[in-house]
Amino acid sequence: MSVNNVCDFTEERPEDFYSAKPLRRYIANVLMYLFFGINTTLIPHYYDACMRRLKPQQIKK
């Protein structure tokens, strides 16, 4: 019976998540895409700026 209960729980869970909240899931995907898009554009620039600041100090040492 425990296996049947687990199977029922796993079968009911995706239906509730996908059918009841499609709009929230879509908005979450869009926000995560924008968040990672901004990070992928800002982090390399910030990393380059940090490296440029550290290189003269390393050369002096």
Protein backbone atom coordinates (compact mmCIF):
# COMPACT_ATOMS: atom_id res chain seq x y z
CA MET A 1 0.00 0.00 0.00
CA SER A 2 2.89 2.38 0.67
CA VAL A 3 4.10 2.03 -2.92
CA ASN A 4 0.61 2.80 -4.23
CA ASN A 5 0.41 5.86 -2.01
CA VAL A 6 3.75 7.15 -3.28
CA CYS A 7 2.69 6.57 -6.88
CA ASP A 8 -0.60 8.39 -6.31
CA PHE A 9 1.22 11.29 -4.65
CA THR A 10 3.71 11.63 -7.52
CA GLU A 11 0.90 11.42 -10.08
CA GLU A 12 -1.26 14.07 -8.40
CA ARG A 13 1.59 16.48 -7.71
CA PRO A 14 2.55 17.44 -11.32
CA GLU A 15 -1.12 17.83 -12.33
CA ASP A 16 -1.72 20.33 -9.53
CA PHE A 17 1.50 22.17 -10.29
CA TYR A 18 1.09 22.41 -14.08
CA SER A 19 -2.68 22.78 -14.45
CA ALA A 20 -3.44 25.02 -11.46
CA LYS A 21 -0.53 27.45 -11.83
CA PRO A 22 0.47 27.79 -15.49
CA LEU A 23 0.62 31.58 -15.29
CA ARG A 24 2.80 31.63 -12.17
CA ARG A 25 5.11 29.02 -13.71
CA TYR A 26 5.37 31.10 -16.92
CA ILE A 27 6.12 34.29 -14.98
CA ALA A 28 8.71 32.46 -12.87
CA ASN A 29 10.43 31.17 -16.02
CA VAL A 30 10.47 34.66 -17.55
CA LEU A 31 11.87 36.22 -14.37
CA MET A 32 14.55 33.55 -14.06
CA TYR A 33 15.47 34.04 -17.74
CA LEU A 34 15.77 37.80 -17.27
CA PHE A 35 17.70 37.34 -14.01
CA PHE A 36 20.24 34.97 -15.55
CA GLY A 37 20.41 37.10 -18.70
CA ILE A 38 21.35 40.15 -16.65
CA ASN A 39 23.86 38.12 -14.64
CA THR A 40 25.54 36.73 -17.75
CA THR A 41 25.93 40.28 -19.09
CA LEU A 42 27.07 41.97 -15.86
CA ILE A 43 29.28 39.34 -14.23
CA PRO A 44 31.93 39.19 -17.03
CA HIS A 45 32.18 43.00 -17.07
CA TYR A 46 32.51 43.08 -13.26
CA TYR A 47 35.07 40.27 -13.42
CA ASP A 48 37.11 42.13 -16.04
CA ALA A 49 37.03 45.30 -13.93
CA CYS A 50 38.25 43.36 -10.87
CA MET A 51 41.04 41.71 -12.87
CA ARG A 52 42.14 45.08 -14.25
CA ARG A 53 42.32 46.42 -10.70
CA LEU A 54 44.25 43.37 -9.45
CA LYS A 55 46.75 43.11 -12.32
CA PRO A 56 48.71 46.31 -11.45
CA GLN A 57 48.95 45.21 -7.81
CA GLN A 58 50.22 41.79 -8.86
CA ILE A 59 52.76 43.39 -11.20
CA LYS A 60 54.00 45.71 -8.41
CA LYS A 61 54.43 42.74 -6.07
